[in-house]
N, C-alpha and C. Protein backbone atom coordinates (compact mmCIF):
# COMPACT_ATOMS: atom_id res chain seq x y z
N MET A 1 41.02 3.52 -69.51
CA MET A 1 41.73 2.14 -68.80
C MET A 1 42.08 2.79 -67.67
N ALA A 2 41.64 2.89 -66.42
CA ALA A 2 42.87 3.82 -64.99
C ALA A 2 43.84 2.37 -65.31
N ARG A 3 45.45 2.89 -65.13
CA ARG A 3 46.26 1.72 -65.33
C ARG A 3 46.62 1.67 -64.30
N GLN A 4 46.56 0.36 -63.53
CA GLN A 4 46.82 0.11 -61.70
C GLN A 4 48.01 -0.72 -62.19
N GLY A 5 47.87 -1.83 -62.64
CA GLY A 5 49.06 -2.81 -63.29
C GLY A 5 49.95 -2.69 -64.08
N HIS A 6 50.51 -3.73 -65.11
CA HIS A 6 50.88 -3.59 -66.53
C HIS A 6 50.62 -4.52 -66.94
N PHE A 7 50.24 -4.46 -68.50
CA PHE A 7 50.33 -4.96 -69.33
C PHE A 7 50.78 -5.15 -70.01
N LEU A 8 51.35 -6.15 -70.90
CA LEU A 8 52.59 -6.98 -71.39
C LEU A 8 51.97 -7.84 -72.64
N THR A 9 52.11 -7.74 -73.98
CA THR A 9 51.77 -8.45 -74.82
C THR A 9 52.71 -9.01 -75.74
N PHE A 10 52.75 -10.49 -76.24
CA PHE A 10 53.84 -11.15 -77.14
C PHE A 10 53.03 -11.15 -78.63
N GLU A 11 53.45 -10.85 -79.54
CA GLU A 11 52.90 -10.89 -81.14
C GLU A 11 54.40 -11.56 -81.96
N GLY A 12 53.80 -11.90 -83.15
CA GLY A 12 54.82 -12.51 -84.07
C GLY A 12 54.06 -13.30 -84.89
N ILE A 13 54.73 -14.28 -86.12
CA ILE A 13 54.44 -14.98 -86.53
C ILE A 13 53.81 -16.42 -86.34
N ASP A 14 53.27 -17.27 -86.58
CA ASP A 14 53.16 -18.53 -86.37
C ASP A 14 54.33 -19.04 -86.04
N GLY A 15 54.92 -19.64 -84.92
CA GLY A 15 56.05 -20.13 -85.00
C GLY A 15 56.85 -19.70 -84.42
N SER A 16 56.91 -18.39 -84.46
CA SER A 16 58.15 -17.69 -83.32
C SER A 16 58.58 -17.70 -81.86
N GLY A 17 57.87 -18.47 -81.88
CA GLY A 17 58.49 -18.85 -80.24
C GLY A 17 58.05 -17.75 -79.25
N LYS A 18 56.64 -16.61 -79.35
CA LYS A 18 55.85 -16.34 -78.76
C LYS A 18 55.49 -16.55 -77.54
N SER A 19 54.63 -17.83 -77.56
CA SER A 19 54.15 -18.66 -76.45
C SER A 19 54.79 -18.91 -75.86
N THR A 20 56.37 -19.17 -75.90
CA THR A 20 57.19 -19.70 -75.33
C THR A 20 57.76 -19.21 -74.39
N GLN A 21 58.06 -17.15 -75.24
CA GLN A 21 58.68 -16.91 -74.61
C GLN A 21 57.98 -15.72 -73.25
N ALA A 22 56.76 -15.59 -73.72
CA ALA A 22 55.55 -15.20 -72.81
C ALA A 22 55.33 -16.04 -71.44
N ARG A 23 55.41 -17.45 -71.99
CA ARG A 23 55.35 -18.50 -70.09
C ARG A 23 56.79 -18.15 -69.87
N MET A 24 58.04 -18.15 -70.24
CA MET A 24 58.88 -18.18 -69.55
C MET A 24 58.92 -16.44 -68.72
N LEU A 25 58.63 -15.28 -69.58
CA LEU A 25 58.73 -14.57 -68.67
C LEU A 25 57.73 -14.23 -67.36
N ALA A 26 56.59 -14.72 -68.06
CA ALA A 26 55.88 -15.07 -66.42
C ALA A 26 56.13 -15.83 -65.31
N ALA A 27 57.09 -17.07 -65.77
CA ALA A 27 57.49 -17.47 -64.25
C ALA A 27 58.74 -16.78 -63.95
N SER A 28 59.36 -15.79 -64.44
CA SER A 28 60.65 -15.06 -64.17
C SER A 28 59.94 -14.11 -62.88
N LEU A 29 59.06 -13.90 -63.70
CA LEU A 29 58.29 -12.18 -62.70
C LEU A 29 57.86 -12.97 -62.01
N LEU A 30 57.05 -14.49 -61.70
CA LEU A 30 56.55 -14.77 -60.53
C LEU A 30 57.76 -14.95 -59.48
N ALA A 31 58.46 -15.42 -60.07
CA ALA A 31 59.95 -15.98 -59.09
C ALA A 31 60.24 -14.73 -58.14
N GLN A 32 59.95 -13.48 -58.93
CA GLN A 32 60.40 -12.00 -58.39
C GLN A 32 59.74 -11.57 -57.14
N GLY A 33 57.93 -12.48 -57.50
CA GLY A 33 56.95 -12.21 -55.85
C GLY A 33 56.24 -11.32 -56.43
N ARG A 34 56.00 -11.14 -58.22
CA ARG A 34 54.77 -10.50 -58.77
C ARG A 34 53.70 -11.28 -58.89
N GLU A 35 52.61 -10.61 -58.63
CA GLU A 35 51.56 -11.16 -59.41
C GLU A 35 51.35 -11.19 -60.58
N VAL A 36 51.27 -12.38 -61.42
CA VAL A 36 51.22 -12.51 -62.94
C VAL A 36 50.00 -13.23 -63.44
N ILE A 37 49.63 -12.57 -64.26
CA ILE A 37 48.34 -13.91 -64.84
C ILE A 37 48.75 -13.35 -66.71
N LEU A 38 49.37 -14.91 -66.91
CA LEU A 38 49.67 -15.55 -68.12
C LEU A 38 48.32 -15.90 -68.66
N THR A 39 47.81 -14.98 -70.09
CA THR A 39 46.81 -15.36 -70.77
C THR A 39 46.89 -15.23 -72.53
N ARG A 40 45.81 -15.86 -73.15
CA ARG A 40 46.18 -16.00 -74.55
C ARG A 40 44.79 -14.88 -75.47
N GLU A 41 45.30 -15.16 -76.54
CA GLU A 41 44.24 -14.76 -77.49
C GLU A 41 44.72 -15.25 -79.27
N PRO A 42 43.43 -16.28 -79.19
CA PRO A 42 42.15 -15.41 -78.90
C PRO A 42 41.67 -16.55 -77.28
N GLY A 43 41.26 -15.73 -76.33
CA GLY A 43 40.84 -16.97 -75.24
C GLY A 43 41.00 -16.43 -74.21
N GLY A 44 41.63 -16.87 -73.26
CA GLY A 44 41.90 -15.98 -72.11
C GLY A 44 40.52 -16.25 -70.81
N SER A 45 39.25 -16.66 -71.50
CA SER A 45 38.22 -16.55 -70.36
C SER A 45 37.04 -17.85 -71.02
N PRO A 46 36.46 -17.90 -70.52
CA PRO A 46 35.76 -19.12 -70.70
C PRO A 46 34.89 -19.02 -71.90
N GLY A 47 34.51 -18.12 -72.41
CA GLY A 47 33.42 -17.63 -73.13
C GLY A 47 34.37 -17.13 -74.74
N ALA A 48 36.09 -17.05 -74.69
CA ALA A 48 36.68 -16.67 -75.81
C ALA A 48 37.17 -17.70 -75.89
N GLU A 49 37.46 -18.66 -74.93
CA GLU A 49 38.09 -19.74 -75.30
C GLU A 49 37.25 -20.70 -76.02
N GLU A 50 35.70 -21.05 -76.03
CA GLU A 50 34.86 -21.25 -76.98
C GLU A 50 35.16 -20.36 -78.35
N ILE A 51 35.08 -19.71 -78.73
CA ILE A 51 35.37 -18.70 -79.88
C ILE A 51 36.81 -19.17 -80.28
N ARG A 52 37.68 -19.42 -80.00
CA ARG A 52 39.28 -19.98 -79.84
C ARG A 52 39.26 -21.26 -80.94
N ARG A 53 38.47 -21.98 -80.41
CA ARG A 53 38.11 -22.85 -81.51
C ARG A 53 37.11 -22.71 -82.80
N LEU A 54 36.42 -22.16 -82.57
CA LEU A 54 35.56 -21.96 -83.93
C LEU A 54 37.03 -21.17 -84.99
N VAL A 55 37.62 -20.11 -84.45
CA VAL A 55 38.52 -19.31 -85.46
C VAL A 55 39.99 -20.32 -85.92
N LEU A 56 40.71 -20.86 -84.93
CA LEU A 56 41.51 -21.24 -85.10
C LEU A 56 41.65 -23.10 -85.71
N GLU A 57 40.53 -23.65 -85.51
CA GLU A 57 40.21 -25.27 -86.17
C GLU A 57 39.58 -25.26 -87.47
N GLY A 58 39.78 -26.28 -88.10
CA GLY A 58 38.81 -26.50 -89.30
C GLY A 58 39.95 -26.11 -90.83
N HIS A 59 38.95 -26.05 -91.54
CA HIS A 59 39.93 -25.20 -93.46
C HIS A 59 40.05 -24.03 -93.16
N ALA A 60 40.63 -23.65 -94.22
CA ALA A 60 41.24 -22.19 -94.02
C ALA A 60 40.17 -21.66 -94.70
N ASP A 61 39.38 -21.85 -95.71
CA ASP A 61 38.07 -21.04 -96.09
C ASP A 61 36.99 -21.04 -95.09
N ARG A 62 37.03 -21.35 -94.08
CA ARG A 62 35.78 -21.93 -92.90
C ARG A 62 35.22 -20.16 -92.81
N TRP A 63 35.92 -19.11 -92.50
CA TRP A 63 35.51 -17.89 -92.50
C TRP A 63 35.87 -16.57 -93.13
N SER A 64 35.22 -15.92 -93.91
CA SER A 64 35.50 -14.80 -94.67
C SER A 64 36.65 -13.73 -93.19
N ALA A 65 37.13 -13.14 -94.01
CA ALA A 65 38.19 -12.30 -93.00
C ALA A 65 36.92 -11.43 -92.27
N GLU A 66 36.36 -10.49 -92.69
CA GLU A 66 35.62 -10.19 -91.85
C GLU A 66 34.56 -10.85 -90.65
N THR A 67 34.24 -12.06 -91.59
CA THR A 67 33.69 -12.39 -90.11
C THR A 67 34.50 -13.14 -89.09
N GLU A 68 35.69 -13.40 -89.58
CA GLU A 68 36.84 -13.75 -87.90
C GLU A 68 37.25 -12.19 -87.41
N LEU A 69 36.87 -11.14 -87.78
CA LEU A 69 37.01 -9.79 -87.30
C LEU A 69 36.10 -9.64 -86.31
N LEU A 70 35.08 -10.20 -86.49
CA LEU A 70 33.83 -9.82 -85.90
C LEU A 70 34.01 -11.05 -84.34
N LEU A 71 34.42 -12.05 -84.62
CA LEU A 71 34.61 -13.36 -84.27
C LEU A 71 35.92 -12.65 -82.74
N PHE A 72 37.21 -12.46 -83.45
CA PHE A 72 37.59 -12.22 -82.55
C PHE A 72 37.82 -10.88 -81.91
N ASN A 73 36.83 -9.98 -82.12
CA ASN A 73 36.61 -8.90 -81.12
C ASN A 73 35.50 -9.19 -79.91
N ALA A 74 34.84 -10.12 -80.66
CA ALA A 74 33.73 -10.57 -79.37
C ALA A 74 34.82 -11.47 -78.64
N ALA A 75 35.33 -12.38 -78.96
CA ALA A 75 36.49 -13.13 -77.84
C ALA A 75 37.52 -11.81 -77.15
N ARG A 76 38.09 -11.37 -77.77
CA ARG A 76 38.91 -9.96 -76.92
C ARG A 76 37.80 -8.96 -75.86
N ARG A 77 36.58 -8.86 -76.26
CA ARG A 77 36.10 -7.96 -75.54
C ARG A 77 35.48 -8.67 -74.00
N ASP A 78 35.34 -10.20 -74.34
CA ASP A 78 34.77 -10.88 -73.39
C ASP A 78 36.33 -11.09 -72.37
N HIS A 79 37.47 -11.57 -73.07
CA HIS A 79 38.58 -11.74 -72.43
C HIS A 79 39.22 -10.05 -71.66
N LEU A 80 38.62 -9.22 -72.06
CA LEU A 80 39.15 -7.98 -71.31
C LEU A 80 38.63 -7.67 -70.19
N GLU A 81 36.98 -7.75 -70.33
CA GLU A 81 36.12 -7.90 -69.02
C GLU A 81 36.55 -8.87 -68.31
N LYS A 82 36.29 -10.41 -68.52
CA LYS A 82 36.78 -11.05 -67.35
C LYS A 82 38.12 -11.20 -66.86
N THR A 83 38.96 -10.39 -67.42
CA THR A 83 40.31 -11.46 -67.18
C THR A 83 40.83 -10.21 -67.21
N ILE A 84 41.22 -9.31 -67.81
CA ILE A 84 42.01 -8.21 -68.38
C ILE A 84 41.94 -7.26 -67.54
N LEU A 85 40.96 -6.91 -67.60
CA LEU A 85 40.49 -5.34 -66.46
C LEU A 85 40.47 -5.85 -64.91
N PRO A 86 40.03 -7.05 -64.16
CA PRO A 86 40.19 -6.99 -63.17
C PRO A 86 41.98 -7.64 -62.83
N ALA A 87 42.29 -7.73 -63.38
CA ALA A 87 43.71 -8.30 -63.06
C ALA A 87 44.68 -7.07 -62.63
N MET A 88 44.58 -6.21 -63.87
CA MET A 88 44.74 -4.98 -64.12
C MET A 88 44.51 -3.95 -62.83
N THR A 89 43.21 -4.27 -62.39
CA THR A 89 42.75 -3.22 -61.40
C THR A 89 43.49 -3.46 -59.69
N ARG A 90 43.94 -4.57 -59.70
CA ARG A 90 44.14 -5.77 -58.62
C ARG A 90 45.83 -5.06 -58.74
N GLY A 91 46.60 -4.75 -59.66
CA GLY A 91 47.83 -3.95 -59.70
C GLY A 91 48.88 -5.46 -60.19
N ALA A 92 47.83 -6.17 -60.97
CA ALA A 92 48.80 -7.91 -61.35
C ALA A 92 49.74 -7.15 -62.53
N VAL A 93 50.59 -8.07 -63.14
CA VAL A 93 51.06 -7.97 -64.79
C VAL A 93 50.36 -9.15 -65.03
N VAL A 94 49.67 -8.41 -66.34
CA VAL A 94 49.14 -9.35 -67.44
C VAL A 94 50.17 -9.67 -68.59
N ILE A 95 50.22 -10.96 -68.76
CA ILE A 95 51.16 -11.09 -70.04
C ILE A 95 50.25 -11.75 -71.13
N CYS A 96 50.17 -11.10 -72.10
CA CYS A 96 49.46 -12.23 -73.05
C CYS A 96 49.83 -12.00 -74.37
N ASP A 97 49.36 -13.61 -74.83
CA ASP A 97 50.11 -14.03 -75.71
C ASP A 97 48.66 -13.87 -77.21
N ARG A 98 49.70 -12.74 -78.11
CA ARG A 98 48.74 -12.11 -78.77
C ARG A 98 47.43 -10.74 -78.60
N PHE A 99 47.70 -9.61 -78.67
CA PHE A 99 46.19 -9.48 -78.67
C PHE A 99 45.83 -8.46 -80.16
N ALA A 100 45.33 -6.97 -79.76
CA ALA A 100 44.79 -6.35 -81.39
C ALA A 100 45.87 -6.38 -82.19
N ASP A 101 47.22 -6.60 -82.16
CA ASP A 101 48.00 -5.99 -83.09
C ASP A 101 48.05 -7.47 -83.62
N SER A 102 47.97 -8.52 -83.38
CA SER A 102 47.38 -9.68 -84.31
C SER A 102 46.38 -9.27 -85.12
N SER A 103 44.95 -8.96 -84.56
CA SER A 103 44.05 -8.60 -85.72
C SER A 103 44.11 -7.63 -86.58
N ARG A 104 45.37 -6.34 -86.42
CA ARG A 104 45.89 -5.66 -87.10
C ARG A 104 46.33 -5.76 -88.39
N ILE A 105 46.99 -7.72 -88.13
CA ILE A 105 47.90 -7.82 -88.99
C ILE A 105 47.43 -9.00 -90.12
N TYR A 106 46.62 -10.41 -89.16
CA TYR A 106 45.65 -11.17 -89.77
C TYR A 106 44.62 -10.94 -90.27
N GLN A 107 43.66 -10.18 -89.84
CA GLN A 107 42.44 -9.75 -90.09
C GLN A 107 42.32 -8.29 -91.23
N GLY A 108 43.26 -7.33 -90.70
CA GLY A 108 43.61 -6.35 -91.58
C GLY A 108 44.53 -5.57 -92.53
N LEU A 109 45.44 -6.68 -92.79
CA LEU A 109 46.15 -6.84 -93.55
C LEU A 109 46.58 -8.12 -94.42
N THR A 110 46.99 -9.44 -93.78
CA THR A 110 47.16 -10.47 -94.95
C THR A 110 45.99 -10.88 -95.69
N ARG A 111 44.79 -10.58 -94.91
CA ARG A 111 43.41 -11.37 -96.09
C ARG A 111 42.71 -10.31 -97.09
N GLY A 112 43.44 -9.13 -97.14
CA GLY A 112 42.46 -8.03 -97.31
C GLY A 112 42.82 -6.76 -96.83
N ASP A 113 42.25 -5.76 -97.19
CA ASP A 113 42.65 -4.46 -96.72
C ASP A 113 41.27 -3.58 -96.00
N LEU A 114 41.52 -4.17 -94.67
CA LEU A 114 40.47 -4.26 -93.77
C LEU A 114 41.16 -3.15 -92.51
N ARG A 115 42.05 -2.64 -92.70
CA ARG A 115 42.85 -2.14 -91.43
C ARG A 115 41.87 -1.11 -90.50
N ALA A 116 41.27 -0.25 -91.56
CA ALA A 116 39.98 0.54 -91.31
C ALA A 116 39.21 0.25 -90.24
N LYS A 117 38.65 -1.37 -90.80
CA LYS A 117 37.65 -1.84 -90.16
C LYS A 117 38.26 -2.31 -88.61
N VAL A 118 39.47 -2.52 -88.61
CA VAL A 118 40.00 -2.86 -87.54
C VAL A 118 40.03 -2.05 -86.68
N ASP A 119 40.62 -0.79 -87.19
CA ASP A 119 41.16 -0.25 -86.05
C ASP A 119 39.63 0.50 -85.41
N ALA A 120 38.49 0.62 -86.61
CA ALA A 120 37.35 1.31 -86.16
C ALA A 120 37.02 0.22 -84.86
N LEU A 121 36.76 -0.93 -85.19
CA LEU A 121 35.85 -1.79 -83.97
C LEU A 121 36.93 -1.61 -83.17
N HIS A 122 38.25 -1.90 -82.84
CA HIS A 122 38.90 -1.85 -81.84
C HIS A 122 38.78 -0.66 -80.97
N ASP A 123 38.53 0.38 -81.52
CA ASP A 123 38.47 1.40 -80.41
C ASP A 123 36.74 1.70 -80.30
N LEU A 124 35.96 0.62 -80.66
CA LEU A 124 34.57 1.10 -80.21
C LEU A 124 34.48 0.12 -79.05
N MET A 125 35.31 -0.97 -79.47
CA MET A 125 34.86 -2.11 -78.65
C MET A 125 35.81 -2.65 -77.64
N ILE A 126 37.27 -2.00 -77.43
CA ILE A 126 38.03 -2.63 -76.84
C ILE A 126 38.95 -1.27 -76.25
N GLY A 127 39.74 -0.21 -77.08
CA GLY A 127 39.90 0.74 -76.26
C GLY A 127 41.40 0.68 -75.73
N VAL A 128 41.79 -0.43 -75.58
CA VAL A 128 43.14 -0.69 -74.52
C VAL A 128 44.47 -0.92 -75.29
N GLU A 129 45.41 -0.20 -75.21
CA GLU A 129 46.68 -0.99 -75.89
C GLU A 129 47.85 -1.46 -74.73
N PRO A 130 48.39 -2.06 -75.15
CA PRO A 130 49.23 -2.41 -73.96
C PRO A 130 50.31 -1.42 -73.79
N ASP A 131 51.27 -2.02 -72.32
CA ASP A 131 52.28 -1.02 -72.01
C ASP A 131 53.20 -1.11 -72.95
N LEU A 132 53.68 -2.32 -73.07
CA LEU A 132 54.93 -3.36 -73.60
C LEU A 132 54.52 -4.49 -74.50
N THR A 133 55.03 -4.27 -75.71
CA THR A 133 54.88 -5.41 -76.64
C THR A 133 56.03 -6.22 -77.11
N PHE A 134 55.92 -7.23 -77.16
CA PHE A 134 57.59 -7.73 -77.64
C PHE A 134 57.32 -8.26 -79.11
N LEU A 135 57.78 -7.98 -79.62
CA LEU A 135 57.52 -8.77 -81.48
C LEU A 135 58.56 -9.86 -81.33
N ILE A 136 58.47 -11.31 -81.43
CA ILE A 136 59.70 -12.32 -81.96
C ILE A 136 59.91 -12.15 -82.98
N ASP A 137 60.66 -11.78 -83.34
CA ASP A 137 60.78 -11.87 -85.17
C ASP A 137 61.29 -12.99 -85.50
N ILE A 138 61.18 -13.48 -86.46
CA ILE A 138 61.69 -15.09 -87.73
C ILE A 138 61.20 -15.11 -88.10
N ALA A 139 62.17 -15.15 -89.58
CA ALA A 139 62.14 -15.93 -90.51
C ALA A 139 60.81 -16.45 -90.80
N ALA A 140 60.17 -16.29 -91.91
CA ALA A 140 58.51 -16.85 -92.20
C ALA A 140 58.77 -18.36 -92.32
N ALA A 141 59.67 -18.50 -93.71
CA ALA A 141 60.17 -19.96 -93.69
C ALA A 141 59.90 -20.71 -92.34
N GLU A 142 60.85 -20.59 -91.61
CA GLU A 142 61.44 -20.83 -90.23
C GLU A 142 60.11 -20.98 -89.42
N GLY A 143 59.76 -20.15 -89.00
CA GLY A 143 58.35 -20.21 -88.43
C GLY A 143 57.07 -21.03 -88.87
N LEU A 144 56.85 -20.98 -90.20
CA LEU A 144 55.92 -21.88 -90.49
C LEU A 144 55.98 -23.59 -90.33
N ALA A 145 57.81 -23.95 -90.62
CA ALA A 145 58.02 -25.27 -90.30
C ALA A 145 58.05 -25.67 -88.72
N ARG A 146 58.12 -24.63 -88.23
CA ARG A 146 58.36 -24.76 -86.30
C ARG A 146 56.70 -25.08 -86.38
N ALA A 147 55.87 -24.20 -86.78
CA ALA A 147 54.31 -24.27 -86.12
C ALA A 147 53.94 -25.48 -87.13
N THR A 148 53.88 -25.93 -88.29
CA THR A 148 53.28 -27.05 -88.82
C THR A 148 54.12 -28.60 -88.07
N ALA A 149 54.90 -28.44 -87.39
CA ALA A 149 55.75 -29.46 -87.13
C ALA A 149 55.15 -29.79 -85.57
N ARG A 150 53.97 -28.75 -84.99
CA ARG A 150 53.54 -28.89 -83.94
C ARG A 150 52.33 -29.88 -83.92
N PRO A 151 52.38 -30.89 -82.78
CA PRO A 151 50.71 -31.58 -82.74
C PRO A 151 49.89 -30.45 -82.41
N GLY A 152 48.23 -31.19 -83.01
CA GLY A 152 47.41 -30.12 -82.88
C GLY A 152 46.75 -29.58 -83.40
N LYS A 153 45.15 -29.56 -83.33
CA LYS A 153 44.40 -29.23 -84.29
C LYS A 153 44.55 -27.68 -84.94
N GLU A 154 45.01 -26.72 -84.11
CA GLU A 154 44.79 -25.42 -84.60
C GLU A 154 46.07 -24.73 -85.58
N LEU A 155 45.91 -25.01 -86.71
CA LEU A 155 46.53 -25.01 -87.76
C LEU A 155 46.25 -23.98 -89.57
N ARG A 156 44.68 -23.37 -88.74
CA ARG A 156 43.99 -23.40 -89.54
C ARG A 156 44.76 -22.23 -90.51
N PHE A 157 45.47 -20.95 -89.37
CA PHE A 157 46.58 -19.89 -90.16
C PHE A 157 47.57 -20.69 -90.95
N GLU A 158 48.20 -21.60 -90.39
CA GLU A 158 49.31 -22.35 -91.06
C GLU A 158 48.71 -22.64 -92.13
N GLY A 159 47.84 -23.39 -92.27
CA GLY A 159 47.44 -24.17 -93.85
C GLY A 159 47.33 -23.09 -94.49
N MET A 160 47.16 -21.58 -94.46
CA MET A 160 46.92 -20.39 -95.38
C MET A 160 48.29 -20.35 -96.31
N GLY A 161 49.54 -20.86 -95.67
CA GLY A 161 50.69 -21.03 -97.01
C GLY A 161 51.97 -20.03 -96.14
N LEU A 162 52.81 -19.86 -96.99
CA LEU A 162 53.91 -19.12 -96.47
C LEU A 162 53.90 -17.49 -97.02
N GLY A 163 52.64 -17.43 -97.85
CA GLY A 163 52.72 -16.30 -98.76
C GLY A 163 52.00 -15.06 -97.54
N LEU A 164 51.38 -15.72 -96.80
CA LEU A 164 50.69 -14.94 -95.49
C LEU A 164 51.46 -15.06 -94.71
N GLN A 165 52.27 -16.26 -94.06
CA GLN A 165 53.32 -15.49 -92.64
C GLN A 165 54.31 -14.55 -93.65
N GLU A 166 54.86 -14.51 -94.85
CA GLU A 166 55.78 -13.32 -95.45
C GLU A 166 55.09 -12.14 -95.04
N THR A 167 53.98 -12.11 -95.48
CA THR A 167 53.29 -10.68 -95.40
C THR A 167 53.07 -10.09 -93.79
N ALA A 168 52.33 -11.48 -92.91
CA ALA A 168 51.84 -11.16 -91.60
C ALA A 168 53.75 -10.45 -90.89
N ARG A 169 54.61 -10.99 -91.45
CA ARG A 169 56.05 -10.50 -90.64
C ARG A 169 56.33 -9.42 -90.64
N LYS A 170 55.96 -9.10 -92.17
CA LYS A 170 56.58 -7.52 -92.85
C LYS A 170 55.41 -6.45 -92.26
N GLY A 171 54.16 -7.21 -91.50
CA GLY A 171 52.84 -6.58 -91.12
C GLY A 171 53.42 -5.90 -89.85
N PHE A 172 53.73 -6.67 -89.10
CA PHE A 172 54.56 -6.90 -87.38
C PHE A 172 55.72 -6.11 -87.52
N LEU A 173 56.40 -6.36 -87.99
CA LEU A 173 58.00 -5.09 -88.42
C LEU A 173 57.31 -3.54 -88.40
N ALA A 174 56.15 -3.38 -89.21
CA ALA A 174 55.68 -2.22 -89.79
C ALA A 174 54.99 -1.63 -89.03
N LEU A 175 54.17 -2.59 -87.74
CA LEU A 175 53.92 -1.95 -87.01
C LEU A 175 54.97 -1.13 -85.50
N ALA A 176 55.71 -2.14 -85.26
CA ALA A 176 56.91 -1.58 -84.55
C ALA A 176 57.51 -0.49 -85.09
N ARG A 177 58.02 -0.05 -86.22
CA ARG A 177 58.77 0.95 -86.49
C ARG A 177 57.59 2.20 -85.96
N ARG A 178 56.18 1.97 -86.47
CA ARG A 178 55.14 3.11 -86.47
C ARG A 178 54.91 3.34 -84.85
N PHE A 179 55.05 2.48 -83.91
CA PHE A 179 54.67 2.61 -82.33
C PHE A 179 56.36 2.09 -81.76
N PRO A 180 57.39 2.43 -81.96
CA PRO A 180 58.49 2.54 -81.28
C PRO A 180 58.52 2.35 -79.75
N ALA A 181 57.57 3.44 -79.07
CA ALA A 181 57.78 3.03 -77.81
C ALA A 181 57.36 2.45 -77.28
N ARG A 182 56.36 1.66 -77.86
CA ARG A 182 55.47 0.33 -77.51
C ARG A 182 56.33 -0.92 -77.72
N PHE A 183 56.87 -0.73 -78.71
CA PHE A 183 57.36 -2.46 -79.47
C PHE A 183 58.72 -2.46 -78.86
N ARG A 184 58.66 -3.72 -79.11
CA ARG A 184 60.50 -4.11 -79.01
C ARG A 184 60.71 -5.24 -79.91
N VAL A 185 61.54 -5.06 -80.20
CA VAL A 185 61.42 -6.30 -81.35
C VAL A 185 62.90 -7.20 -81.10
N VAL A 186 62.56 -8.59 -80.69
CA VAL A 186 63.45 -9.48 -80.17
C VAL A 186 63.59 -10.34 -81.55
N ASP A 187 65.36 -10.89 -81.81
CA ASP A 187 65.18 -12.29 -82.94
C ASP A 187 65.18 -13.26 -82.05
N GLY A 188 64.20 -13.87 -82.71
CA GLY A 188 63.85 -15.18 -82.48
C GLY A 188 64.23 -16.79 -82.64
N ALA A 189 65.28 -16.13 -83.78
CA ALA A 189 65.64 -17.40 -84.33
C ALA A 189 67.08 -18.03 -83.26
N ARG A 190 67.28 -17.47 -81.89
CA ARG A 190 68.31 -17.89 -81.25
C ARG A 190 67.41 -19.21 -80.26
N SER A 191 68.24 -19.21 -79.28
CA SER A 191 67.81 -19.98 -78.24
C SER A 191 67.38 -19.97 -77.25
N PRO A 192 65.73 -20.69 -77.17
CA PRO A 192 65.25 -20.19 -76.35
C PRO A 192 65.69 -19.12 -75.03
N ASP A 193 66.39 -19.62 -74.00
CA ASP A 193 66.97 -18.95 -73.11
C ASP A 193 67.90 -17.99 -73.19
N THR A 194 68.44 -17.83 -74.37
CA THR A 194 69.19 -16.30 -74.78
C THR A 194 67.82 -15.87 -75.04
N VAL A 195 67.24 -16.16 -75.80
CA VAL A 195 65.67 -14.95 -76.38
C VAL A 195 65.51 -14.42 -74.86
N ALA A 196 64.80 -15.54 -73.72
CA ALA A 196 64.27 -15.29 -72.59
C ALA A 196 65.32 -14.07 -71.81
N GLN A 197 66.67 -14.35 -72.03
CA GLN A 197 67.16 -13.04 -71.16
C GLN A 197 66.71 -12.24 -71.52
N ASP A 198 66.81 -11.53 -72.74
CA ASP A 198 66.90 -10.57 -73.37
C ASP A 198 65.48 -9.83 -73.20
N VAL A 199 64.28 -10.80 -73.28
CA VAL A 199 62.84 -10.45 -72.93
C VAL A 199 62.86 -9.50 -71.36
N LEU A 200 63.62 -10.54 -70.45
CA LEU A 200 63.34 -10.54 -69.35
C LEU A 200 64.28 -9.16 -68.93
N ALA A 201 64.95 -8.69 -69.22
CA ALA A 201 65.67 -7.21 -68.91
C ALA A 201 65.08 -6.07 -69.86
N LEU A 202 64.62 -6.65 -71.19
CA LEU A 202 63.81 -5.46 -71.37
C LEU A 202 62.16 -5.27 -70.68
N ALA A 203 62.03 -6.24 -70.12
CA ALA A 203 60.53 -5.62 -69.10
C ALA A 203 61.14 -5.29 -68.11
N GLN A 204 62.09 -6.02 -67.14
CA GLN A 204 62.17 -5.18 -66.06
C GLN A 204 62.70 -3.66 -65.94
N GLU A 205 63.30 -3.40 -67.34
CA GLU A 205 63.62 -1.88 -67.69
C GLU A 205 62.02 -1.30 -66.95
N ALA A 206 61.20 -1.77 -68.07
CA ALA A 206 59.74 -1.04 -68.60
C ALA A 206 59.03 -1.29 -67.18
N LEU A 207 59.06 -1.97 -66.26
CA LEU A 207 58.63 -2.20 -65.03
C LEU A 207 58.68 -1.15 -64.08
N ALA A 208 60.52 -1.20 -64.62
CA ALA A 208 61.08 -0.47 -63.10
C ALA A 208 60.61 1.42 -63.98
N GLN A 209 60.55 1.52 -65.08
CA GLN A 209 60.01 3.35 -65.41
C GLN A 209 58.94 3.54 -65.31
N ARG A 210 57.82 2.38 -64.89
CA ARG A 210 56.54 2.91 -64.54
C ARG A 210 55.94 1.86 -63.67
N ALA A 211 56.15 2.92 -62.38
CA ALA A 211 55.42 2.21 -60.87
C ALA A 211 53.78 2.01 -61.26
N PRO A 212 52.94 1.20 -60.96
CA PRO A 212 51.63 0.78 -61.02
C PRO A 212 51.34 2.15 -60.29
N GLY A 213 49.69 2.47 -60.11
CA GLY A 213 49.36 3.26 -60.16
C GLY A 213 49.08 4.96 -60.59
């Protein structure tokens, strides 16, 4: 993909505060006069939002990890075609709450050894990596407590328990060590405003280093 805009993603375990930080960063960059597209995964396009309901609601055993992987990639491909690529072509800043790194962890690591299949499907059907990824890091127990306290039906992964969240956290931190040029690890245990200040400073540094085009 010819990079015209900027592609920033937020990752972290459930309850880390990454969705809040994605919204706050989008608001800050909009206030600076930038075109910003705030989106999420699974979801971000009409078709992908339909798949979101399938994978995030219902019993924890509703899908196997392999079926989940196919569903997430179908949603991601539609999201890429309908939302991310058009915005990037216009030169917008795309901020996405989760992307392929979540599949590398939740389908590739926490529910079996499927990482090779995750990477193969990504290379075949997606082929895009973010310019910058913020990993909002928080202790697994605190994240799970936050997540299960939220209202709503999207609790399927939270229902898999603390062990999954602990494995996911370790996996995300390992990814950050593997790809240090792309990842920025931010302590999510602090107040949202304090975290947002750090995120904005890191984002502005990255955007200044690489002008679109």
